[in-house]
Amino acid sequence: LNGILARTKEMKKVLKTYCDAINQTEIIGRM
């Protein structure tokens, strides 16, 4: 059995800073 599956998703978030490593890690990891 072999197969390829692709999906896209988009979401918006209000942020305090442009690239806070701790906050961005949580958002990206959960997504």
Full PDB file with SEQRES, HELIX, SHEET, SSBOND, CRYST1, ORIGX, SCALE, CONECT and MASTER records, all heavy atoms in Angstrom:
SEQRES   1 A   31  LEU ASN GLY ILE LEU ALA ARG THR LYS GLU MET LYS LYS          
SEQRES   2 A   31  VAL LEU LYS THR TYR CYS ASP ALA ILE ASN GLN THR GLU          
SEQRES   3 A   31  ILE ILE GLY ARG MET                                          
HELIX    1 AA1 ALA A   21  ARG A   30  1                                  10    
CRYST1    1.000    1.000    1.000  90.00  90.00  90.00 P 1           1          
ORIGX1      1.000000  0.000000  0.000000        0.00000                         
ORIGX2      0.000000  1.000000  0.000000        0.00000                         
ORIGX3      0.000000  0.000000  1.000000        0.00000                         
SCALE1      1.000000  0.000000  0.000000        0.00000                         
SCALE2      0.000000  1.000000  0.000000        0.00000                         
SCALE3      0.000000  0.000000  1.000000        0.00000                         
ATOM      1  N   LEU A   1       0.855  -1.184   0.000  1.00  0.00           N  
ATOM      2  CA  LEU A   1       0.000   0.000   0.000  1.00  0.00           C  
ATOM      3  C   LEU A   1       0.894   1.237   0.000  1.00  0.00           C  
ATOM      4  O   LEU A   1       1.751   1.388   0.863  1.00  0.00           O  
ATOM      5  CB  LEU A   1      -0.900   0.019   1.240  1.00  0.00           C  
ATOM      6  CG  LEU A   1      -1.837  -1.178   1.442  1.00  0.00           C  
ATOM      7  CD1 LEU A   1      -2.564  -1.046   2.774  1.00  0.00           C  
ATOM      8  CD2 LEU A   1      -2.845  -1.272   0.308  1.00  0.00           C  
ATOM      9  N   ASN A   2       0.684   2.116  -0.972  1.00  0.00           N  
ATOM     10  CA  ASN A   2       1.463   3.348  -1.054  1.00  0.00           C  
ATOM     11  C   ASN A   2       0.555   4.498  -1.461  1.00  0.00           C  
ATOM     12  O   ASN A   2      -0.358   4.316  -2.277  1.00  0.00           O  
ATOM     13  CB  ASN A   2       2.596   3.218  -2.078  1.00  0.00           C  
ATOM     14  CG  ASN A   2       3.670   2.243  -1.643  1.00  0.00           C  
ATOM     15  OD1 ASN A   2       4.572   2.596  -0.901  1.00  0.00           O  
ATOM     16  ND2 ASN A   2       3.561   0.991  -2.090  1.00  0.00           N  
ATOM     17  N   GLY A   3       0.817   5.659  -0.912  1.00  0.00           N  
ATOM     18  CA  GLY A   3       0.004   6.809  -1.265  1.00  0.00           C  
ATOM     19  C   GLY A   3       0.615   8.112  -0.798  1.00  0.00           C  
ATOM     20  O   GLY A   3       1.444   8.133   0.115  1.00  0.00           O  
ATOM     21  N   ILE A   4       0.219   9.193  -1.459  1.00  0.00           N  
ATOM     22  CA  ILE A   4       0.657  10.538  -1.094  1.00  0.00           C  
ATOM     23  C   ILE A   4      -0.577  11.396  -0.844  1.00  0.00           C  
ATOM     24  O   ILE A   4      -1.528  11.370  -1.631  1.00  0.00           O  
ATOM     25  CB  ILE A   4       1.523  11.169  -2.202  1.00  0.00           C  
ATOM     26  CG1 ILE A   4       2.804  10.356  -2.402  1.00  0.00           C  
ATOM     27  CG2 ILE A   4       1.867  12.609  -1.868  1.00  0.00           C  
ATOM     28  CD1 ILE A   4       3.671  10.862  -3.545  1.00  0.00           C  
ATOM     29  N   LEU A   5      -0.539  12.132   0.229  1.00  0.00           N  
ATOM     30  CA  LEU A   5      -1.662  13.000   0.589  1.00  0.00           C  
ATOM     31  C   LEU A   5      -1.116  14.377   0.948  1.00  0.00           C  
ATOM     32  O   LEU A   5      -0.120  14.485   1.666  1.00  0.00           O  
ATOM     33  CB  LEU A   5      -2.419  12.406   1.784  1.00  0.00           C  
ATOM     34  CG  LEU A   5      -3.699  13.128   2.237  1.00  0.00           C  
ATOM     35  CD1 LEU A   5      -4.766  13.061   1.148  1.00  0.00           C  
ATOM     36  CD2 LEU A   5      -4.229  12.509   3.526  1.00  0.00           C  
ATOM     37  N   ALA A   6      -1.746  15.428   0.447  1.00  0.00           N  
ATOM     38  CA  ALA A   6      -1.313  16.799   0.737  1.00  0.00           C  
ATOM     39  C   ALA A   6      -2.510  17.631   1.170  1.00  0.00           C  
ATOM     40  O   ALA A   6      -3.610  17.496   0.623  1.00  0.00           O  
ATOM     41  CB  ALA A   6      -0.645  17.425  -0.487  1.00  0.00           C  
ATOM     42  N   ARG A   7      -2.292  18.464   2.149  1.00  0.00           N  
ATOM     43  CA  ARG A   7      -3.348  19.340   2.661  1.00  0.00           C  
ATOM     44  C   ARG A   7      -2.747  20.700   3.016  1.00  0.00           C  
ATOM     45  O   ARG A   7      -1.576  20.807   3.364  1.00  0.00           O  
ATOM     46  CB  ARG A   7      -4.030  18.731   3.889  1.00  0.00           C  
ATOM     47  CG  ARG A   7      -4.947  17.555   3.594  1.00  0.00           C  
ATOM     48  CD  ARG A   7      -6.189  18.009   2.841  1.00  0.00           C  
ATOM     49  NE  ARG A   7      -7.135  16.915   2.618  1.00  0.00           N  
ATOM     50  CZ  ARG A   7      -7.118  16.116   1.573  1.00  0.00           C  
ATOM     51  NH1 ARG A   7      -6.150  16.260   0.661  1.00  0.00           N  
ATOM     52  NH2 ARG A   7      -8.026  15.173   1.414  1.00  0.00           N  
ATOM     53  N   THR A   8      -3.573  21.738   2.945  1.00  0.00           N  
ATOM     54  CA  THR A   8      -3.148  23.083   3.331  1.00  0.00           C  
ATOM     55  C   THR A   8      -4.085  23.634   4.398  1.00  0.00           C  
ATOM     56  O   THR A   8      -5.249  23.247   4.473  1.00  0.00           O  
ATOM     57  CB  THR A   8      -3.136  24.040   2.121  1.00  0.00           C  
ATOM     58  OG1 THR A   8      -4.468  24.116   1.578  1.00  0.00           O  
ATOM     59  CG2 THR A   8      -2.181  23.557   1.056  1.00  0.00           C  
ATOM     60  N   LYS A   9      -3.548  24.536   5.186  1.00  0.00           N  
ATOM     61  CA  LYS A   9      -4.338  25.169   6.244  1.00  0.00           C  
ATOM     62  C   LYS A   9      -3.798  26.573   6.485  1.00  0.00           C  
ATOM     63  O   LYS A   9      -2.592  26.811   6.359  1.00  0.00           O  
ATOM     64  CB  LYS A   9      -4.266  24.352   7.533  1.00  0.00           C  
ATOM     65  CG  LYS A   9      -5.063  24.934   8.702  1.00  0.00           C  
ATOM     66  CD  LYS A   9      -4.846  24.135   9.980  1.00  0.00           C  
ATOM     67  CE  LYS A   9      -5.544  22.810   9.918  1.00  0.00           C  
ATOM     68  NZ  LYS A   9      -5.479  22.084  11.221  1.00  0.00           N  
ATOM     69  N   GLU A  10      -4.690  27.485   6.833  1.00  0.00           N  
ATOM     70  CA  GLU A  10      -4.269  28.854   7.132  1.00  0.00           C  
ATOM     71  C   GLU A  10      -4.971  29.346   8.382  1.00  0.00           C  
ATOM     72  O   GLU A  10      -6.147  29.037   8.614  1.00  0.00           O  
ATOM     73  CB  GLU A  10      -4.590  29.779   5.955  1.00  0.00           C  
ATOM     74  CG  GLU A  10      -4.103  31.202   6.142  1.00  0.00           C  
ATOM     75  CD  GLU A  10      -4.330  32.075   4.914  1.00  0.00           C  
ATOM     76  OE1 GLU A  10      -3.658  31.814   3.891  1.00  0.00           O  
ATOM     77  OE2 GLU A  10      -5.186  32.984   4.985  1.00  0.00           O  
ATOM     78  N   MET A  11      -4.265  30.105   9.190  1.00  0.00           N  
ATOM     79  CA  MET A  11      -4.874  30.712  10.368  1.00  0.00           C  
ATOM     80  C   MET A  11      -4.201  32.049  10.661  1.00  0.00           C  
ATOM     81  O   MET A  11      -3.084  32.316  10.203  1.00  0.00           O  
ATOM     82  CB  MET A  11      -4.773  29.784  11.582  1.00  0.00           C  
ATOM     83  CG  MET A  11      -3.411  29.654  12.193  1.00  0.00           C  
ATOM     84  SD  MET A  11      -3.464  28.707  13.730  1.00  0.00           S  
ATOM     85  CE  MET A  11      -1.772  28.905  14.298  1.00  0.00           C  
ATOM     86  N   LYS A  12      -4.899  32.893  11.419  1.00  0.00           N  
ATOM     87  CA  LYS A  12      -4.387  34.215  11.771  1.00  0.00           C  
ATOM     88  C   LYS A  12      -4.291  34.331  13.290  1.00  0.00           C  
ATOM     89  O   LYS A  12      -5.142  33.819  14.012  1.00  0.00           O  
ATOM     90  CB  LYS A  12      -5.292  35.305  11.206  1.00  0.00           C  
ATOM     91  CG  LYS A  12      -5.385  35.302   9.672  1.00  0.00           C  
ATOM     92  CD  LYS A  12      -6.285  36.415   9.173  1.00  0.00           C  
ATOM     93  CE  LYS A  12      -6.446  36.369   7.664  1.00  0.00           C  
ATOM     94  NZ  LYS A  12      -5.194  36.627   6.949  1.00  0.00           N  
ATOM     95  N   LYS A  13      -3.244  35.015  13.730  1.00  0.00           N  
ATOM     96  CA  LYS A  13      -3.028  35.216  15.167  1.00  0.00           C  
ATOM     97  C   LYS A  13      -2.594  36.653  15.426  1.00  0.00           C  
ATOM     98  O   LYS A  13      -1.866  37.247  14.635  1.00  0.00           O  
ATOM     99  CB  LYS A  13      -1.937  34.281  15.683  1.00  0.00           C  
ATOM    100  CG  LYS A  13      -2.239  32.799  15.541  1.00  0.00           C  
ATOM    101  CD  LYS A  13      -3.180  32.282  16.613  1.00  0.00           C  
ATOM    102  CE  LYS A  13      -2.510  32.184  17.951  1.00  0.00           C  
ATOM    103  NZ  LYS A  13      -3.362  31.536  18.963  1.00  0.00           N  
ATOM    104  N   VAL A  14      -3.056  37.213  16.543  1.00  0.00           N  
ATOM    105  CA  VAL A  14      -2.588  38.516  17.000  1.00  0.00           C  
ATOM    106  C   VAL A  14      -1.379  38.283  17.902  1.00  0.00           C  
ATOM    107  O   VAL A  14      -1.437  37.484  18.842  1.00  0.00           O  
ATOM    108  CB  VAL A  14      -3.686  39.280  17.766  1.00  0.00           C  
ATOM    109  CG1 VAL A  14      -3.142  40.603  18.308  1.00  0.00           C  
ATOM    110  CG2 VAL A  14      -4.891  39.525  16.860  1.00  0.00           C  
ATOM    111  N   LEU A  15      -0.276  38.958  17.602  1.00  0.00           N  
ATOM    112  CA  LEU A  15       0.996  38.713  18.283  1.00  0.00           C  
ATOM    113  C   LEU A  15       1.487  39.963  19.017  1.00  0.00           C  
ATOM    114  O   LEU A  15       1.131  41.090  18.666  1.00  0.00           O  
ATOM    115  CB  LEU A  15       2.055  38.280  17.265  1.00  0.00           C  
ATOM    116  CG  LEU A  15       1.684  37.094  16.358  1.00  0.00           C  
ATOM    117  CD1 LEU A  15       2.661  37.004  15.202  1.00  0.00           C  
ATOM    118  CD2 LEU A  15       1.643  35.800  17.150  1.00  0.00           C  
ATOM    119  N   LYS A  16       2.319  39.730  20.032  1.00  0.00           N  
ATOM    120  CA  LYS A  16       2.926  40.844  20.762  1.00  0.00           C  
ATOM    121  C   LYS A  16       4.196  41.320  20.082  1.00  0.00           C  
ATOM    122  O   LYS A  16       4.512  42.509  20.081  1.00  0.00           O  
ATOM    123  CB  LYS A  16       3.217  40.421  22.204  1.00  0.00           C  
ATOM    124  CG  LYS A  16       1.965  40.162  23.036  1.00  0.00           C  
ATOM    125  CD  LYS A  16       2.330  39.782  24.465  1.00  0.00           C  
ATOM    126  CE  LYS A  16       1.081  39.555  25.298  1.00  0.00           C  
ATOM    127  NZ  LYS A  16       1.414  39.160  26.694  1.00  0.00           N  
ATOM    128  N   THR A  17       4.964  40.374  19.533  1.00  0.00           N  
ATOM    129  CA  THR A  17       6.198  40.701  18.819  1.00  0.00           C  
ATOM    130  C   THR A  17       6.239  39.900  17.517  1.00  0.00           C  
ATOM    131  O   THR A  17       5.449  38.973  17.319  1.00  0.00           O  
ATOM    132  CB  THR A  17       7.444  40.360  19.658  1.00  0.00           C  
ATOM    133  OG1 THR A  17       7.444  38.950  19.933  1.00  0.00           O  
ATOM    134  CG2 THR A  17       7.454  41.130  20.966  1.00  0.00           C  
ATOM    135  N   TYR A  18       7.181  40.265  16.642  1.00  0.00           N  
ATOM    136  CA  TYR A  18       7.256  39.601  15.344  1.00  0.00           C  
ATOM    137  C   TYR A  18       7.746  38.158  15.442  1.00  0.00           C  
ATOM    138  O   TYR A  18       7.220  37.274  14.791  1.00  0.00           O  
ATOM    139  CB  TYR A  18       8.157  40.398  14.401  1.00  0.00           C  
ATOM    140  CG  TYR A  18       7.497  41.659  13.891  1.00  0.00           C  
ATOM    141  CD1 TYR A  18       7.790  42.894  14.454  1.00  0.00           C  
ATOM    142  CD2 TYR A  18       6.577  41.599  12.849  1.00  0.00           C  
ATOM    143  CE1 TYR A  18       7.172  44.059  13.988  1.00  0.00           C  
ATOM    144  CE2 TYR A  18       5.961  42.752  12.377  1.00  0.00           C  
ATOM    145  CZ  TYR A  18       6.254  43.976  12.948  1.00  0.00           C  
ATOM    146  OH  TYR A  18       5.643  45.115  12.495  1.00  0.00           O  
ATOM    147  N   CYS A  19       8.759  37.922  16.229  1.00  0.00           N  
ATOM    148  CA  CYS A  19       9.315  36.561  16.282  1.00  0.00           C  
ATOM    149  C   CYS A  19       9.825  36.241  17.675  1.00  0.00           C  
ATOM    150  O   CYS A  19      11.034  36.162  17.906  1.00  0.00           O  
ATOM    151  CB  CYS A  19      10.425  36.402  15.243  1.00  0.00           C  
ATOM    152  SG  CYS A  19      10.961  34.690  15.040  1.00  0.00           S  
ATOM    153  N   ASP A  20       8.907  36.029  18.596  1.00  0.00           N  
ATOM    154  CA  ASP A  20       9.266  35.548  19.924  1.00  0.00           C  
ATOM    155  C   ASP A  20       9.405  34.032  19.830  1.00  0.00           C  
ATOM    156  O   ASP A  20       8.429  33.328  19.529  1.00  0.00           O  
ATOM    157  CB  ASP A  20       8.201  35.930  20.942  1.00  0.00           C  
ATOM    158  CG  ASP A  20       8.501  35.370  22.312  1.00  0.00           C  
ATOM    159  OD1 ASP A  20       9.360  35.927  23.016  1.00  0.00           O  
ATOM    160  OD2 ASP A  20       7.885  34.344  22.677  1.00  0.00           O  
ATOM    161  N   ALA A  21      10.602  33.515  20.083  1.00  0.00           N  
ATOM    162  CA  ALA A  21      10.884  32.090  19.845  1.00  0.00           C  
ATOM    163  C   ALA A  21       9.961  31.176  20.636  1.00  0.00           C  
ATOM    164  O   ALA A  21       9.467  30.167  20.116  1.00  0.00           O  
ATOM    165  CB  ALA A  21      12.346  31.789  20.179  1.00  0.00           C  
ATOM    166  N   ILE A  22       9.695  31.515  21.903  1.00  0.00           N  
ATOM    167  CA  ILE A  22       8.853  30.666  22.751  1.00  0.00           C  
ATOM    168  C   ILE A  22       7.421  30.637  22.234  1.00  0.00           C  
ATOM    169  O   ILE A  22       6.816  29.563  22.070  1.00  0.00           O  
ATOM    170  CB  ILE A  22       8.900  31.146  24.211  1.00  0.00           C  
ATOM    171  CG1 ILE A  22      10.317  31.028  24.775  1.00  0.00           C  
ATOM    172  CG2 ILE A  22       7.915  30.349  25.077  1.00  0.00           C  
ATOM    173  CD1 ILE A  22      10.493  31.613  26.155  1.00  0.00           C  
ATOM    174  N   ASN A  23       6.870  31.806  21.947  1.00  0.00           N  
ATOM    175  CA  ASN A  23       5.491  31.894  21.467  1.00  0.00           C  
ATOM    176  C   ASN A  23       5.325  31.254  20.097  1.00  0.00           C  
ATOM    177  O   ASN A  23       4.374  30.499  19.847  1.00  0.00           O  
ATOM    178  CB  ASN A  23       5.062  33.360  21.417  1.00  0.00           C  
ATOM    179  CG  ASN A  23       3.574  33.515  21.120  1.00  0.00           C  
ATOM    180  OD1 ASN A  23       2.750  32.750  21.608  1.00  0.00           O  
ATOM    181  ND2 ASN A  23       3.240  34.499  20.322  1.00  0.00           N  
ATOM    182  N   GLN A  24       6.284  31.524  19.184  1.00  0.00           N  
ATOM    183  CA  GLN A  24       6.193  30.965  17.840  1.00  0.00           C  
ATOM    184  C   GLN A  24       6.351  29.446  17.848  1.00  0.00           C  
ATOM    185  O   GLN A  24       5.703  28.744  17.064  1.00  0.00           O  
ATOM    186  CB  GLN A  24       7.266  31.595  16.933  1.00  0.00           C  
ATOM    187  CG  GLN A  24       7.053  33.064  16.627  1.00  0.00           C  
ATOM    188  CD  GLN A  24       5.868  33.318  15.716  1.00  0.00           C  
ATOM    189  OE1 GLN A  24       5.189  32.400  15.271  1.00  0.00           O  
ATOM    190  NE2 GLN A  24       5.613  34.590  15.432  1.00  0.00           N  
ATOM    191  N   THR A  25       7.187  28.929  18.714  1.00  0.00           N  
ATOM    192  CA  THR A  25       7.346  27.474  18.816  1.00  0.00           C  
ATOM    193  C   THR A  25       6.026  26.811  19.200  1.00  0.00           C  
ATOM    194  O   THR A  25       5.647  25.773  18.645  1.00  0.00           O  
ATOM    195  CB  THR A  25       8.431  27.116  19.849  1.00  0.00           C  
ATOM    196  OG1 THR A  25       9.679  27.668  19.439  1.00  0.00           O  
ATOM    197  CG2 THR A  25       8.582  25.604  19.980  1.00  0.00           C  
ATOM    198  N   GLU A  26       5.312  27.417  20.140  1.00  0.00           N  
ATOM    199  CA  GLU A  26       4.022  26.865  20.579  1.00  0.00           C  
ATOM    200  C   GLU A  26       2.998  26.910  19.454  1.00  0.00           C  
ATOM    201  O   GLU A  26       2.291  25.923  19.205  1.00  0.00           O  
ATOM    202  CB  GLU A  26       3.511  27.653  21.781  1.00  0.00           C  
ATOM    203  CG  GLU A  26       2.193  27.122  22.322  1.00  0.00           C  
ATOM    204  CD  GLU A  26       1.683  27.920  23.521  1.00  0.00           C  
ATOM    205  OE1 GLU A  26       2.457  28.732  24.074  1.00  0.00           O  
ATOM    206  OE2 GLU A  26       0.511  27.739  23.890  1.00  0.00           O  
ATOM    207  N   ILE A  27       2.918  28.043  18.755  1.00  0.00           N  
ATOM    208  CA  ILE A  27       1.935  28.192  17.674  1.00  0.00           C  
ATOM    209  C   ILE A  27       2.231  27.214  16.538  1.00  0.00           C  
ATOM    210  O   ILE A  27       1.347  26.484  16.073  1.00  0.00           O  
ATOM    211  CB  ILE A  27       1.940  29.639  17.137  1.00  0.00           C  
ATOM    212  CG1 ILE A  27       1.448  30.608  18.223  1.00  0.00           C  
ATOM    213  CG2 ILE A  27       1.050  29.753  15.897  1.00  0.00           C  
ATOM    214  CD1 ILE A  27       1.642  32.069  17.867  1.00  0.00           C  
ATOM    215  N   ILE A  28       3.486  27.202  16.088  1.00  0.00           N  
ATOM    216  CA  ILE A  28       3.865  26.348  14.952  1.00  0.00           C  
ATOM    217  C   ILE A  28       3.767  24.874  15.320  1.00  0.00           C  
ATOM    218  O   ILE A  28       3.266  24.056  14.535  1.00  0.00           O  
ATOM    219  CB  ILE A  28       5.292  26.708  14.490  1.00  0.00           C  
ATOM    220  CG1 ILE A  28       5.311  28.124  13.918  1.00  0.00           C  
ATOM    221  CG2 ILE A  28       5.802  25.695  13.459  1.00  0.00           C  
ATOM    222  CD1 ILE A  28       6.702  28.692  13.689  1.00  0.00           C  
ATOM    223  N   GLY A  29       4.230  24.525  16.509  1.00  0.00           N  
ATOM    224  CA  GLY A  29       4.170  23.126  16.945  1.00  0.00           C  
ATOM    225  C   GLY A  29       2.750  22.597  17.010  1.00  0.00           C  
ATOM    226  O   GLY A  29       2.465  21.495  16.525  1.00  0.00           O  
ATOM    227  N   ARG A  30       1.847  23.397  17.579  1.00  0.00           N  
ATOM    228  CA  ARG A  30       0.443  22.962  17.682  1.00  0.00           C  
ATOM    229  C   ARG A  30      -0.206  22.844  16.303  1.00  0.00           C  
ATOM    230  O   ARG A  30      -0.970  21.921  16.032  1.00  0.00           O  
ATOM    231  CB  ARG A  30      -0.342  23.949  18.544  1.00  0.00           C  
ATOM    232  CG  ARG A  30      -1.761  23.478  18.871  1.00  0.00           C  
ATOM    233  CD  ARG A  30      -2.467  24.494  19.748  1.00  0.00           C  
ATOM    234  NE  ARG A  30      -1.788  24.657  21.014  1.00  0.00           N  
ATOM    235  CZ  ARG A  30      -1.990  23.845  22.057  1.00  0.00           C  
ATOM    236  NH1 ARG A  30      -2.833  22.831  21.950  1.00  0.00           N  
ATOM    237  NH2 ARG A  30      -1.351  24.045  23.184  1.00  0.00           N  
ATOM    238  N   MET A  31       0.115  23.788  15.407  1.00  0.00           N  
ATOM    239  CA  MET A  31      -0.484  23.765  14.068  1.00  0.00           C  
ATOM    240  C   MET A  31      -0.060  22.524  13.288  1.00  0.00           C  
ATOM    241  O   MET A  31      -0.879  21.857  12.640  1.00  0.00           O  
ATOM    242  CB  MET A  31      -0.080  25.033  13.309  1.00  0.00           C  
ATOM    243  CG  MET A  31      -0.852  25.276  12.033  1.00  0.00           C  
ATOM    244  SD  MET A  31      -0.440  26.877  11.299  1.00  0.00           S  
ATOM    245  CE  MET A  31      -1.588  26.888   9.905  1.00  0.00           C  
TER     246      MET A  31                                                      
MASTER        0    0    0    1    0    0    0    6  245    1    0    3          
END                                                                             
